[in-house]
């Protein structure tokens, strides 16, 4: 279980959602 992968994935997902909200 790679914690880093989960953290990076969550951050990427948060960035994607924030971009959609700002757009």
PDB file of N, CA and C in Angstrom:
ATOM      1  N   UNK A   1       0.852  -1.202   0.000  1.00  0.00           N
ATOM      2  CA  UNK A   1       0.000   0.000   0.000  1.00  0.00           C
ATOM      3  C   UNK A   1       0.884   1.248   0.000  1.00  0.00           C
ATOM      4  N   UNK A   2       0.795   1.993  -1.109  1.00  0.00           N
ATOM      5  CA  UNK A   2       1.616   3.195  -1.216  1.00  0.00           C
ATOM      6  C   UNK A   2       0.829   4.417  -0.747  1.00  0.00           C
ATOM      7  N   UNK A   3       1.216   4.942   0.399  1.00  0.00           N
ATOM      8  CA  UNK A   3       0.512   6.108   0.939  1.00  0.00           C
ATOM      9  C   UNK A   3       0.730   7.316   0.037  1.00  0.00           C
ATOM     10  N   UNK A   4       1.954   7.446  -0.503  1.00  0.00           N
ATOM     11  CA  UNK A   4       2.272   8.578  -1.365  1.00  0.00           C
ATOM     12  C   UNK A   4       1.350   8.633  -2.573  1.00  0.00           C
ATOM     13  N   UNK A   5       1.090   7.454  -3.159  1.00  0.00           N
ATOM     14  CA  UNK A   5       0.225   7.402  -4.342  1.00  0.00           C
ATOM     15  C   UNK A   5      -1.166   7.903  -3.993  1.00  0.00           C
ATOM     16  N   UNK A   6      -1.653   7.524  -2.810  1.00  0.00           N
ATOM     17  CA  UNK A   6      -2.993   7.951  -2.373  1.00  0.00           C
ATOM     18  C   UNK A   6      -3.018   9.461  -2.148  1.00  0.00           C
ATOM     19  N   UNK A   7      -1.967   9.981  -1.495  1.00  0.00           N
ATOM     20  CA  UNK A   7      -1.908  11.420  -1.208  1.00  0.00           C
ATOM     21  C   UNK A   7      -1.848  12.211  -2.509  1.00  0.00           C
ATOM     22  N   UNK A   8      -0.979  11.770  -3.441  1.00  0.00           N
ATOM     23  CA  UNK A   8      -0.848  12.466  -4.726  1.00  0.00           C
ATOM     24  C   UNK A   8      -2.155  12.376  -5.500  1.00  0.00           C
ATOM     25  N   UNK A   9      -2.786  11.211  -5.479  1.00  0.00           N
ATOM     26  CA  UNK A   9      -4.047  11.033  -6.196  1.00  0.00           C
ATOM     27  C   UNK A   9      -5.121  11.933  -5.623  1.00  0.00           C
ATOM     28  N   UNK A  10      -5.179  12.027  -4.301  1.00  0.00           N
ATOM     29  CA  UNK A  10      -6.192  12.871  -3.667  1.00  0.00           C
ATOM     30  C   UNK A  10      -5.946  14.340  -4.013  1.00  0.00           C
ATOM     31  N   UNK A  11      -4.666  14.726  -4.002  1.00  0.00           N
ATOM     32  CA  UNK A  11      -4.333  16.117  -4.313  1.00  0.00           C
ATOM     33  C   UNK A  11      -4.694  16.441  -5.760  1.00  0.00           C
ATOM     34  N   UNK A  12      -4.409  15.508  -6.656  1.00  0.00           N
ATOM     35  CA  UNK A  12      -4.734  15.705  -8.072  1.00  0.00           C
ATOM     36  C   UNK A  12      -6.238  15.815  -8.247  1.00  0.00           C
ATOM     37  N   UNK A  13      -6.973  14.981  -7.503  1.00  0.00           N
ATOM     38  CA  UNK A  13      -8.434  15.010  -7.598  1.00  0.00           C
ATOM     39  C   UNK A  13      -8.971  16.345  -7.069  1.00  0.00           C
ATOM     40  N   UNK A  14      -8.406  16.806  -5.949  1.00  0.00           N
ATOM     41  CA  UNK A  14      -8.838  18.086  -5.378  1.00  0.00           C
ATOM     42  C   UNK A  14      -8.555  19.218  -6.363  1.00  0.00           C
ATOM     43  N   UNK A  15      -7.377  19.159  -7.026  1.00  0.00           N
ATOM     44  CA  UNK A  15      -7.029  20.206  -7.997  1.00  0.00           C
ATOM     45  C   UNK A  15      -8.003  20.173  -9.161  1.00  0.00           C
ATOM     46  N   UNK A  16      -8.364  18.975  -9.601  1.00  0.00           N
ATOM     47  CA  UNK A  16      -9.277  18.844 -10.734  1.00  0.00           C
ATOM     48  C   UNK A  16     -10.650  19.417 -10.373  1.00  0.00           C
ATOM     49  N   UNK A  17     -11.123  19.112  -9.162  1.00  0.00           N
ATOM     50  CA  UNK A  17     -12.432  19.616  -8.719  1.00  0.00           C
ATOM     51  C   UNK A  17     -12.376  21.138  -8.599  1.00  0.00           C
ATOM     52  N   UNK A  18     -11.308  21.661  -8.038  1.00  0.00           N
ATOM     53  CA  UNK A  18     -11.198  23.116  -7.864  1.00  0.00           C
ATOM     54  C   UNK A  18     -11.167  23.806  -9.222  1.00  0.00           C
ATOM     55  N   UNK A  19     -10.508  23.186 -10.210  1.00  0.00           N
ATOM     56  CA  UNK A  19     -10.462  23.767 -11.549  1.00  0.00           C
ATOM     57  C   UNK A  19     -11.853  23.789 -12.156  1.00  0.00           C
ATOM     58  N   UNK A  20     -12.614  22.707 -11.938  1.00  0.00           N
ATOM     59  CA  UNK A  20     -13.975  22.646 -12.484  1.00  0.00           C
ATOM     60  C   UNK A  20     -14.855  23.696 -11.816  1.00  0.00           C
ATOM     61  N   UNK A  21     -14.641  23.897 -10.508  1.00  0.00           N
ATOM     62  CA  UNK A  21     -15.456  24.871  -9.773  1.00  0.00           C
ATOM     63  C   UNK A  21     -15.114  26.284 -10.233  1.00  0.00           C
ATOM     64  N   UNK A  22     -13.827  26.562 -10.436  1.00  0.00           N
ATOM     65  CA  UNK A  22     -13.397  27.903 -10.846  1.00  0.00           C
ATOM     66  C   UNK A  22     -13.801  28.194 -12.280  1.00  0.00           C
ATOM     67  N   UNK A  23     -13.823  27.171 -13.132  1.00  0.00           N
ATOM     68  CA  UNK A  23     -14.135  27.363 -14.550  1.00  0.00           C
ATOM     69  C   UNK A  23     -15.562  27.891 -14.717  1.00  0.00           C
TER      70      UNK A  23
END
